[in-house]
Amino acid sequence: MTEQTIIKQIGKPEEIDFRKPKAIGSAGFYLQSFKAKTLNLKLDSKCNFEKRTGGLLLRANYSNKLTAIPIPKESIIGITITRGKETIDPFFLSPMWILLKLGVSKLYARYFKILISEYSIDQMELNLKTAEYEMDFIANGYLFARQLSFFENLNYGNKLKTEIKAST
């Protein structure tokens, strides 16, 4: 698919506003399922989304075979992003434990863990439904906050749903 065809369907890439920078692309996802009438994508393709003026551009890469799928804003039925289960279990007097007791956010305190078991988060899931496609993706759970910010900045209103699995 050529760039001119993509521009005709979903517009040009979003311009970067350096005064109020916002993400115009997502981090990497891995495709887990893909249902479509005409197109077929390989499972486990590395995918990311690019914000365009008239929708999203899904770029998929499997064994260096690149595929671009334009997704017009009007055809998006729903986007569901699910944060994985978060486990917080610092041991007594560890740096992470001390920071949490001092009221530091767990998002910052987790960088001071000593043992892997002190903090972990399961992979996040993304479901995208359009008029033609239904896709499921997974990504590293640590990227959830950035991904949520990207999808919220699309301003798709009630089409975006967020789910959070229970923490322990």
N, C-alpha and C. Protein backbone atom coordinates (compact mmCIF):
# COMPACT_ATOMS: atom_id res chain seq x y z
N MET A 1 0.85 -1.17 0.00
CA MET A 1 0.00 0.00 0.00
C MET A 1 0.89 1.24 0.00
N THR A 2 0.63 2.14 -0.90
CA THR A 2 1.47 3.33 -1.02
C THR A 2 1.02 4.42 -0.05
N GLU A 3 1.90 5.38 0.19
CA GLU A 3 1.60 6.48 1.10
C GLU A 3 0.44 7.33 0.56
N GLN A 4 0.34 7.50 -0.74
CA GLN A 4 -0.76 8.28 -1.32
C GLN A 4 -2.10 7.60 -1.06
N THR A 5 -2.16 6.28 -1.15
CA THR A 5 -3.39 5.54 -0.88
C THR A 5 -3.79 5.70 0.58
N ILE A 6 -2.81 5.61 1.46
CA ILE A 6 -3.09 5.77 2.89
C ILE A 6 -3.60 7.16 3.19
N ILE A 7 -2.98 8.19 2.59
CA ILE A 7 -3.41 9.58 2.81
C ILE A 7 -4.83 9.78 2.32
N LYS A 8 -5.20 9.17 1.19
CA LYS A 8 -6.58 9.29 0.68
C LYS A 8 -7.59 8.68 1.66
N GLN A 9 -7.21 7.57 2.31
CA GLN A 9 -8.15 6.87 3.18
C GLN A 9 -8.24 7.46 4.58
N ILE A 10 -7.09 7.79 5.19
CA ILE A 10 -7.12 8.24 6.60
C ILE A 10 -6.33 9.51 6.86
N GLY A 11 -5.89 10.19 5.84
CA GLY A 11 -5.23 11.47 6.02
C GLY A 11 -3.74 11.37 6.29
N LYS A 12 -3.16 12.53 6.52
CA LYS A 12 -1.72 12.64 6.76
C LYS A 12 -1.40 12.32 8.22
N PRO A 13 -0.12 12.04 8.50
CA PRO A 13 0.27 11.84 9.90
C PRO A 13 0.02 13.10 10.72
N GLU A 14 -0.32 12.92 11.98
CA GLU A 14 -0.53 14.05 12.88
C GLU A 14 0.75 14.85 13.00
N GLU A 15 0.60 16.15 13.07
CA GLU A 15 1.75 17.03 13.25
C GLU A 15 2.11 17.08 14.74
N ILE A 16 3.39 17.21 15.02
CA ILE A 16 3.85 17.30 16.40
C ILE A 16 3.77 18.75 16.85
N ASP A 17 3.07 18.98 17.96
CA ASP A 17 3.01 20.30 18.57
C ASP A 17 4.08 20.33 19.65
N PHE A 18 5.15 21.05 19.41
CA PHE A 18 6.27 21.05 20.34
C PHE A 18 5.97 21.79 21.64
N ARG A 19 4.92 22.62 21.66
CA ARG A 19 4.53 23.30 22.90
C ARG A 19 3.76 22.36 23.83
N LYS A 20 2.96 21.47 23.26
CA LYS A 20 2.21 20.47 24.03
C LYS A 20 2.43 19.11 23.38
N PRO A 21 3.59 18.52 23.58
CA PRO A 21 3.86 17.25 22.89
C PRO A 21 2.96 16.11 23.36
N LYS A 22 2.48 15.36 22.40
CA LYS A 22 1.67 14.16 22.64
C LYS A 22 2.17 13.07 21.72
N ALA A 23 1.99 11.85 22.16
CA ALA A 23 2.45 10.72 21.35
C ALA A 23 1.63 10.63 20.07
N ILE A 24 2.32 10.38 18.96
CA ILE A 24 1.62 10.19 17.69
C ILE A 24 1.76 8.75 17.20
N GLY A 25 2.38 7.92 18.04
CA GLY A 25 2.53 6.51 17.72
C GLY A 25 2.55 5.69 18.98
N SER A 26 2.16 4.44 18.87
CA SER A 26 2.15 3.56 20.04
C SER A 26 3.44 2.77 20.11
N ALA A 27 3.66 2.14 21.24
CA ALA A 27 4.77 1.21 21.37
C ALA A 27 4.38 -0.10 20.70
N GLY A 28 5.26 -1.06 20.74
CA GLY A 28 5.02 -2.31 20.04
C GLY A 28 4.05 -3.24 20.73
N PHE A 29 3.17 -3.82 19.94
CA PHE A 29 2.24 -4.84 20.38
C PHE A 29 2.53 -6.11 19.58
N TYR A 30 2.08 -7.24 20.09
CA TYR A 30 2.16 -8.49 19.34
C TYR A 30 0.74 -8.96 19.05
N LEU A 31 0.47 -9.26 17.79
CA LEU A 31 -0.85 -9.68 17.35
C LEU A 31 -1.15 -11.09 17.86
N GLN A 32 -2.27 -11.25 18.57
CA GLN A 32 -2.67 -12.55 19.09
C GLN A 32 -3.80 -13.19 18.29
N SER A 33 -4.72 -12.36 17.79
CA SER A 33 -5.78 -12.88 16.93
C SER A 33 -6.21 -11.80 15.95
N PHE A 34 -6.64 -12.21 14.78
CA PHE A 34 -7.04 -11.28 13.74
C PHE A 34 -8.18 -11.90 12.95
N LYS A 35 -9.33 -11.24 12.97
CA LYS A 35 -10.49 -11.72 12.23
C LYS A 35 -10.86 -10.67 11.19
N ALA A 36 -10.86 -11.07 9.94
CA ALA A 36 -11.23 -10.17 8.86
C ALA A 36 -11.82 -10.97 7.72
N LYS A 37 -12.59 -10.28 6.88
CA LYS A 37 -13.23 -10.95 5.76
C LYS A 37 -12.27 -11.13 4.58
N THR A 38 -11.39 -10.15 4.36
CA THR A 38 -10.56 -10.20 3.17
C THR A 38 -9.07 -10.34 3.45
N LEU A 39 -8.58 -9.69 4.47
CA LEU A 39 -7.15 -9.61 4.74
C LEU A 39 -6.73 -10.65 5.76
N ASN A 40 -5.50 -11.12 5.67
CA ASN A 40 -4.98 -12.08 6.63
C ASN A 40 -3.62 -11.60 7.12
N LEU A 41 -3.46 -11.47 8.43
CA LEU A 41 -2.19 -11.11 9.03
C LEU A 41 -1.65 -12.29 9.81
N LYS A 42 -0.34 -12.43 9.85
CA LYS A 42 0.29 -13.51 10.60
C LYS A 42 0.20 -13.21 12.09
N LEU A 43 -0.13 -14.24 12.87
CA LEU A 43 -0.14 -14.08 14.32
C LEU A 43 1.29 -13.86 14.80
N ASP A 44 1.43 -13.20 15.92
CA ASP A 44 2.71 -12.82 16.52
C ASP A 44 3.46 -11.78 15.70
N SER A 45 2.77 -11.08 14.81
CA SER A 45 3.38 -9.96 14.11
C SER A 45 3.62 -8.83 15.11
N LYS A 46 4.72 -8.14 14.94
CA LYS A 46 5.01 -6.97 15.77
C LYS A 46 4.24 -5.80 15.14
N CYS A 47 3.39 -5.15 15.93
CA CYS A 47 2.51 -4.12 15.40
C CYS A 47 2.64 -2.83 16.20
N ASN A 48 2.38 -1.71 15.55
CA ASN A 48 2.21 -0.45 16.25
C ASN A 48 1.21 0.40 15.48
N PHE A 49 0.70 1.41 16.19
CA PHE A 49 -0.32 2.28 15.62
C PHE A 49 0.27 3.66 15.41
N GLU A 50 -0.16 4.30 14.34
CA GLU A 50 0.25 5.66 14.04
C GLU A 50 -1.00 6.52 13.95
N LYS A 51 -0.98 7.63 14.64
CA LYS A 51 -2.12 8.54 14.64
C LYS A 51 -2.12 9.35 13.35
N ARG A 52 -3.26 9.31 12.65
CA ARG A 52 -3.45 10.07 11.41
C ARG A 52 -4.61 11.03 11.61
N THR A 53 -4.76 11.99 10.72
CA THR A 53 -5.82 12.99 10.87
C THR A 53 -7.21 12.38 10.76
N GLY A 54 -7.36 11.28 10.03
CA GLY A 54 -8.68 10.67 9.85
C GLY A 54 -8.81 9.28 10.42
N GLY A 55 -7.89 8.89 11.31
CA GLY A 55 -7.97 7.55 11.89
C GLY A 55 -6.62 7.05 12.37
N LEU A 56 -6.46 5.74 12.30
CA LEU A 56 -5.22 5.08 12.74
C LEU A 56 -4.63 4.29 11.59
N LEU A 57 -3.31 4.18 11.61
CA LEU A 57 -2.63 3.32 10.66
C LEU A 57 -1.96 2.21 11.47
N LEU A 58 -2.34 0.98 11.21
CA LEU A 58 -1.72 -0.18 11.86
C LEU A 58 -0.59 -0.66 10.97
N ARG A 59 0.59 -0.70 11.54
CA ARG A 59 1.75 -1.23 10.82
C ARG A 59 2.12 -2.55 11.46
N ALA A 60 2.18 -3.60 10.65
CA ALA A 60 2.51 -4.94 11.13
C ALA A 60 3.78 -5.42 10.45
N ASN A 61 4.63 -6.10 11.21
CA ASN A 61 5.88 -6.62 10.69
C ASN A 61 6.03 -8.07 11.14
N TYR A 62 6.14 -8.96 10.19
CA TYR A 62 6.39 -10.37 10.48
C TYR A 62 7.49 -10.84 9.55
N SER A 63 8.63 -11.20 10.10
CA SER A 63 9.80 -11.64 9.31
C SER A 63 10.15 -10.63 8.22
N ASN A 64 10.17 -9.37 8.62
CA ASN A 64 10.50 -8.25 7.71
C ASN A 64 9.53 -8.09 6.55
N LYS A 65 8.35 -8.69 6.64
CA LYS A 65 7.29 -8.45 5.67
C LYS A 65 6.36 -7.42 6.31
N LEU A 66 6.37 -6.21 5.76
CA LEU A 66 5.61 -5.10 6.33
C LEU A 66 4.22 -5.01 5.71
N THR A 67 3.24 -4.76 6.56
CA THR A 67 1.86 -4.59 6.11
C THR A 67 1.30 -3.34 6.78
N ALA A 68 0.60 -2.53 6.03
CA ALA A 68 -0.05 -1.33 6.57
C ALA A 68 -1.55 -1.46 6.38
N ILE A 69 -2.29 -1.23 7.46
CA ILE A 69 -3.75 -1.31 7.40
C ILE A 69 -4.33 0.02 7.87
N PRO A 70 -4.95 0.78 6.97
CA PRO A 70 -5.59 2.03 7.40
C PRO A 70 -6.92 1.72 8.09
N ILE A 71 -7.15 2.39 9.22
CA ILE A 71 -8.39 2.21 9.98
C ILE A 71 -9.05 3.58 10.13
N PRO A 72 -10.07 3.87 9.33
CA PRO A 72 -10.75 5.16 9.44
C PRO A 72 -11.43 5.32 10.81
N LYS A 73 -11.45 6.54 11.29
CA LYS A 73 -12.02 6.84 12.61
C LYS A 73 -13.48 6.39 12.68
N GLU A 74 -14.23 6.56 11.61
CA GLU A 74 -15.66 6.22 11.61
C GLU A 74 -15.90 4.72 11.73
N SER A 75 -14.95 3.91 11.28
CA SER A 75 -15.18 2.46 11.30
C SER A 75 -14.82 1.82 12.64
N ILE A 76 -14.21 2.59 13.55
CA ILE A 76 -13.83 2.02 14.85
C ILE A 76 -15.07 1.89 15.72
N ILE A 77 -15.33 0.67 16.16
CA ILE A 77 -16.47 0.39 17.03
C ILE A 77 -16.05 0.51 18.49
N GLY A 78 -14.90 -0.05 18.82
CA GLY A 78 -14.45 0.02 20.21
C GLY A 78 -12.99 -0.38 20.37
N ILE A 79 -12.36 0.24 21.37
CA ILE A 79 -10.99 -0.09 21.75
C ILE A 79 -11.01 -0.40 23.24
N THR A 80 -10.54 -1.58 23.61
CA THR A 80 -10.48 -1.97 25.02
C THR A 80 -9.03 -2.26 25.37
N ILE A 81 -8.52 -1.54 26.37
CA ILE A 81 -7.15 -1.76 26.83
C ILE A 81 -7.23 -2.25 28.27
N THR A 82 -6.57 -3.38 28.54
CA THR A 82 -6.66 -4.04 29.84
C THR A 82 -5.28 -4.13 30.46
N ARG A 83 -5.15 -3.55 31.66
CA ARG A 83 -3.88 -3.65 32.38
C ARG A 83 -3.78 -5.02 33.03
N GLY A 84 -2.61 -5.60 33.01
CA GLY A 84 -2.39 -6.90 33.63
C GLY A 84 -2.41 -6.81 35.15
N LYS A 85 -2.47 -7.96 35.79
CA LYS A 85 -2.49 -8.04 37.24
C LYS A 85 -1.15 -7.54 37.79
N GLU A 86 -1.25 -6.65 38.76
CA GLU A 86 -0.07 -6.03 39.36
C GLU A 86 0.21 -6.68 40.71
N THR A 87 1.46 -7.06 40.95
CA THR A 87 1.85 -7.67 42.21
C THR A 87 2.88 -6.77 42.89
N ILE A 88 2.54 -6.31 44.11
CA ILE A 88 3.44 -5.45 44.88
C ILE A 88 3.70 -6.16 46.19
N ASP A 89 4.96 -6.59 46.41
CA ASP A 89 5.31 -7.33 47.61
C ASP A 89 6.75 -7.04 48.04
N PRO A 90 7.03 -5.78 48.44
CA PRO A 90 8.41 -5.46 48.86
C PRO A 90 8.71 -6.07 50.23
N PHE A 91 9.96 -6.44 50.44
CA PHE A 91 10.32 -6.98 51.74
C PHE A 91 10.68 -5.83 52.68
N PHE A 92 10.62 -6.11 53.96
CA PHE A 92 10.83 -5.13 55.02
C PHE A 92 12.18 -4.43 54.86
N LEU A 93 12.18 -3.11 54.87
CA LEU A 93 13.33 -2.22 54.76
C LEU A 93 14.05 -2.25 53.41
N SER A 94 13.42 -2.78 52.40
CA SER A 94 14.01 -2.68 51.06
C SER A 94 13.80 -1.23 50.58
N PRO A 95 14.61 -0.76 49.63
CA PRO A 95 14.43 0.62 49.14
C PRO A 95 13.00 0.87 48.63
N MET A 96 12.43 -0.11 47.95
CA MET A 96 11.06 0.06 47.46
C MET A 96 10.09 0.17 48.62
N TRP A 97 10.24 -0.64 49.64
CA TRP A 97 9.36 -0.61 50.81
C TRP A 97 9.44 0.76 51.48
N ILE A 98 10.66 1.30 51.66
CA ILE A 98 10.85 2.60 52.30
C ILE A 98 10.18 3.70 51.49
N LEU A 99 10.38 3.68 50.18
CA LEU A 99 9.77 4.71 49.32
C LEU A 99 8.25 4.65 49.36
N LEU A 100 7.70 3.46 49.36
CA LEU A 100 6.23 3.33 49.44
C LEU A 100 5.73 3.86 50.78
N LYS A 101 6.45 3.61 51.86
CA LYS A 101 6.05 4.12 53.18
C LYS A 101 6.15 5.64 53.25
N LEU A 102 7.06 6.22 52.47
CA LEU A 102 7.20 7.68 52.42
C LEU A 102 6.16 8.33 51.50
N GLY A 103 5.35 7.51 50.84
CA GLY A 103 4.28 8.04 50.00
C GLY A 103 4.65 8.23 48.54
N VAL A 104 5.78 7.70 48.12
CA VAL A 104 6.19 7.80 46.72
C VAL A 104 5.29 6.89 45.88
N SER A 105 4.95 7.33 44.71
CA SER A 105 4.11 6.54 43.81
C SER A 105 4.76 5.20 43.50
N LYS A 106 3.93 4.17 43.41
CA LYS A 106 4.46 2.84 43.08
C LYS A 106 5.09 2.81 41.70
N LEU A 107 4.67 3.73 40.81
CA LEU A 107 5.26 3.79 39.47
C LEU A 107 6.72 4.21 39.52
N TYR A 108 7.11 5.00 40.54
CA TYR A 108 8.51 5.38 40.71
C TYR A 108 9.23 4.43 41.65
N ALA A 109 8.57 4.01 42.70
CA ALA A 109 9.19 3.12 43.70
C ALA A 109 9.59 1.79 43.08
N ARG A 110 8.88 1.33 42.07
CA ARG A 110 9.18 0.02 41.48
C ARG A 110 10.57 -0.03 40.85
N TYR A 111 11.14 1.12 40.50
CA TYR A 111 12.48 1.14 39.93
C TYR A 111 13.57 0.84 40.97
N PHE A 112 13.20 0.84 42.25
CA PHE A 112 14.16 0.60 43.32
C PHE A 112 13.99 -0.78 43.95
N LYS A 113 13.34 -1.66 43.27
CA LYS A 113 13.21 -3.02 43.78
C LYS A 113 14.55 -3.73 43.70
N ILE A 114 14.78 -4.62 44.63
CA ILE A 114 16.01 -5.40 44.64
C ILE A 114 15.74 -6.80 44.08
N LEU A 115 14.63 -7.37 44.51
CA LEU A 115 14.25 -8.70 44.04
C LEU A 115 13.17 -8.57 42.97
N ILE A 116 13.18 -9.48 42.03
CA ILE A 116 12.16 -9.47 40.97
C ILE A 116 10.77 -9.62 41.56
N SER A 117 10.65 -10.34 42.64
CA SER A 117 9.34 -10.63 43.23
C SER A 117 8.71 -9.43 43.94
N GLU A 118 9.46 -8.35 44.13
CA GLU A 118 8.90 -7.19 44.84
C GLU A 118 7.82 -6.48 44.02
N TYR A 119 7.99 -6.42 42.71
CA TYR A 119 7.00 -5.77 41.86
C TYR A 119 6.98 -6.45 40.51
N SER A 120 5.79 -6.78 40.06
CA SER A 120 5.64 -7.30 38.70
C SER A 120 4.25 -6.92 38.20
N ILE A 121 4.15 -6.88 36.90
CA ILE A 121 2.86 -6.59 36.27
C ILE A 121 2.74 -7.49 35.04
N ASP A 122 1.61 -8.15 34.94
CA ASP A 122 1.38 -9.05 33.81
C ASP A 122 1.16 -8.24 32.53
N GLN A 123 1.21 -8.91 31.42
CA GLN A 123 1.07 -8.23 30.13
C GLN A 123 -0.29 -7.57 29.98
N MET A 124 -0.28 -6.48 29.25
CA MET A 124 -1.54 -5.80 28.97
C MET A 124 -2.11 -6.35 27.68
N GLU A 125 -3.41 -6.17 27.53
CA GLU A 125 -4.12 -6.66 26.36
C GLU A 125 -4.85 -5.50 25.70
N LEU A 126 -4.93 -5.56 24.40
CA LEU A 126 -5.63 -4.54 23.63
C LEU A 126 -6.56 -5.25 22.66
N ASN A 127 -7.82 -4.82 22.62
CA ASN A 127 -8.79 -5.35 21.67
C ASN A 127 -9.29 -4.18 20.85
N LEU A 128 -9.23 -4.33 19.54
CA LEU A 128 -9.68 -3.28 18.62
C LEU A 128 -10.74 -3.88 17.70
N LYS A 129 -11.94 -3.31 17.75
CA LYS A 129 -13.03 -3.76 16.87
C LYS A 129 -13.36 -2.64 15.90
N THR A 130 -13.40 -3.02 14.63
CA THR A 130 -13.82 -2.08 13.60
C THR A 130 -14.94 -2.74 12.80
N ALA A 131 -15.44 -2.03 11.80
CA ALA A 131 -16.48 -2.59 10.96
C ALA A 131 -15.97 -3.80 10.17
N GLU A 132 -14.68 -3.84 9.84
CA GLU A 132 -14.14 -4.93 9.02
C GLU A 132 -13.26 -5.90 9.79
N TYR A 133 -12.67 -5.47 10.91
CA TYR A 133 -11.68 -6.28 11.61
C TYR A 133 -12.01 -6.42 13.09
N GLU A 134 -11.47 -7.48 13.69
CA GLU A 134 -11.40 -7.58 15.14
C GLU A 134 -10.03 -8.14 15.46
N MET A 135 -9.28 -7.39 16.29
CA MET A 135 -7.89 -7.74 16.56
C MET A 135 -7.63 -7.76 18.06
N ASP A 136 -6.81 -8.69 18.50
CA ASP A 136 -6.35 -8.76 19.88
C ASP A 136 -4.84 -8.69 19.88
N PHE A 137 -4.31 -7.86 20.79
CA PHE A 137 -2.88 -7.67 20.91
C PHE A 137 -2.46 -7.86 22.36
N ILE A 138 -1.16 -8.12 22.57
CA ILE A 138 -0.58 -8.10 23.90
C ILE A 138 0.68 -7.25 23.85
N ALA A 139 1.06 -6.72 25.03
CA ALA A 139 2.30 -5.95 25.14
C ALA A 139 2.78 -6.02 26.57
N ASN A 140 3.97 -5.55 26.80
CA ASN A 140 4.54 -5.52 28.14
C ASN A 140 3.66 -4.68 29.05
N GLY A 141 3.34 -5.20 30.23
CA GLY A 141 2.48 -4.50 31.17
C GLY A 141 3.05 -3.20 31.70
N TYR A 142 4.37 -3.08 31.71
CA TYR A 142 5.01 -1.86 32.19
C TYR A 142 4.73 -0.67 31.28
N LEU A 143 4.28 -0.92 30.06
CA LEU A 143 4.00 0.15 29.10
C LEU A 143 2.56 0.65 29.17
N PHE A 144 1.77 0.13 30.10
CA PHE A 144 0.34 0.43 30.14
C PHE A 144 0.05 1.93 30.22
N ALA A 145 0.71 2.65 31.11
CA ALA A 145 0.41 4.07 31.30
C ALA A 145 0.65 4.86 30.02
N ARG A 146 1.73 4.57 29.32
CA ARG A 146 2.02 5.28 28.07
C ARG A 146 1.02 4.93 26.99
N GLN A 147 0.64 3.66 26.92
CA GLN A 147 -0.33 3.25 25.90
C GLN A 147 -1.70 3.86 26.17
N LEU A 148 -2.08 3.89 27.45
CA LEU A 148 -3.37 4.49 27.80
C LEU A 148 -3.38 5.96 27.40
N SER A 149 -2.28 6.65 27.66
CA SER A 149 -2.16 8.06 27.29
C SER A 149 -2.31 8.24 25.77
N PHE A 150 -1.66 7.38 25.00
CA PHE A 150 -1.76 7.46 23.53
C PHE A 150 -3.20 7.30 23.08
N PHE A 151 -3.89 6.26 23.58
CA PHE A 151 -5.26 6.01 23.12
C PHE A 151 -6.24 7.06 23.64
N GLU A 152 -6.00 7.62 24.82
CA GLU A 152 -6.86 8.71 25.32
C GLU A 152 -6.69 9.96 24.47
N ASN A 153 -5.48 10.23 24.00
CA ASN A 153 -5.23 11.42 23.18
C ASN A 153 -5.82 11.32 21.77
N LEU A 154 -6.33 10.15 21.41
CA LEU A 154 -7.00 10.02 20.12
C LEU A 154 -8.36 10.72 20.15
N ASN A 155 -8.89 10.96 21.35
CA ASN A 155 -10.19 11.63 21.54
C ASN A 155 -11.33 10.89 20.83
N TYR A 156 -11.39 9.58 21.06
CA TYR A 156 -12.46 8.78 20.48
C TYR A 156 -13.63 8.62 21.42
N GLY A 157 -13.61 9.32 22.55
CA GLY A 157 -14.75 9.35 23.47
C GLY A 157 -15.06 8.00 24.08
N ASN A 158 -16.34 7.63 24.00
CA ASN A 158 -16.79 6.39 24.66
C ASN A 158 -16.41 5.13 23.89
N LYS A 159 -15.68 5.25 22.80
CA LYS A 159 -15.20 4.06 22.08
C LYS A 159 -14.05 3.41 22.83
N LEU A 160 -13.38 4.16 23.72
CA LEU A 160 -12.23 3.65 24.48
C LEU A 160 -12.71 3.18 25.85
N LYS A 161 -12.38 1.92 26.17
CA LYS A 161 -12.70 1.37 27.48
C LYS A 161 -11.41 0.88 28.12
N THR A 162 -11.30 1.10 29.44
CA THR A 162 -10.12 0.67 30.19
C THR A 162 -10.54 -0.34 31.24
N GLU A 163 -9.80 -1.42 31.33
CA GLU A 163 -10.05 -2.42 32.35
C GLU A 163 -8.76 -2.66 33.11
N ILE A 164 -8.87 -2.88 34.42
CA ILE A 164 -7.72 -3.11 35.25
C ILE A 164 -7.96 -4.39 36.05
N LYS A 165 -7.06 -5.37 35.87
CA LYS A 165 -7.19 -6.60 36.63
C LYS A 165 -6.76 -6.35 38.06
N ALA A 166 -7.34 -7.07 39.00
CA ALA A 166 -7.10 -6.86 40.42
C ALA A 166 -5.63 -7.01 40.78
N SER A 167 -5.15 -6.14 41.67
CA SER A 167 -3.76 -6.19 42.15
C SER A 167 -3.68 -7.04 43.40
N THR A 168 -2.47 -7.50 43.69
CA THR A 168 -2.24 -8.21 44.95
C THR A 168 -1.16 -7.54 45.73
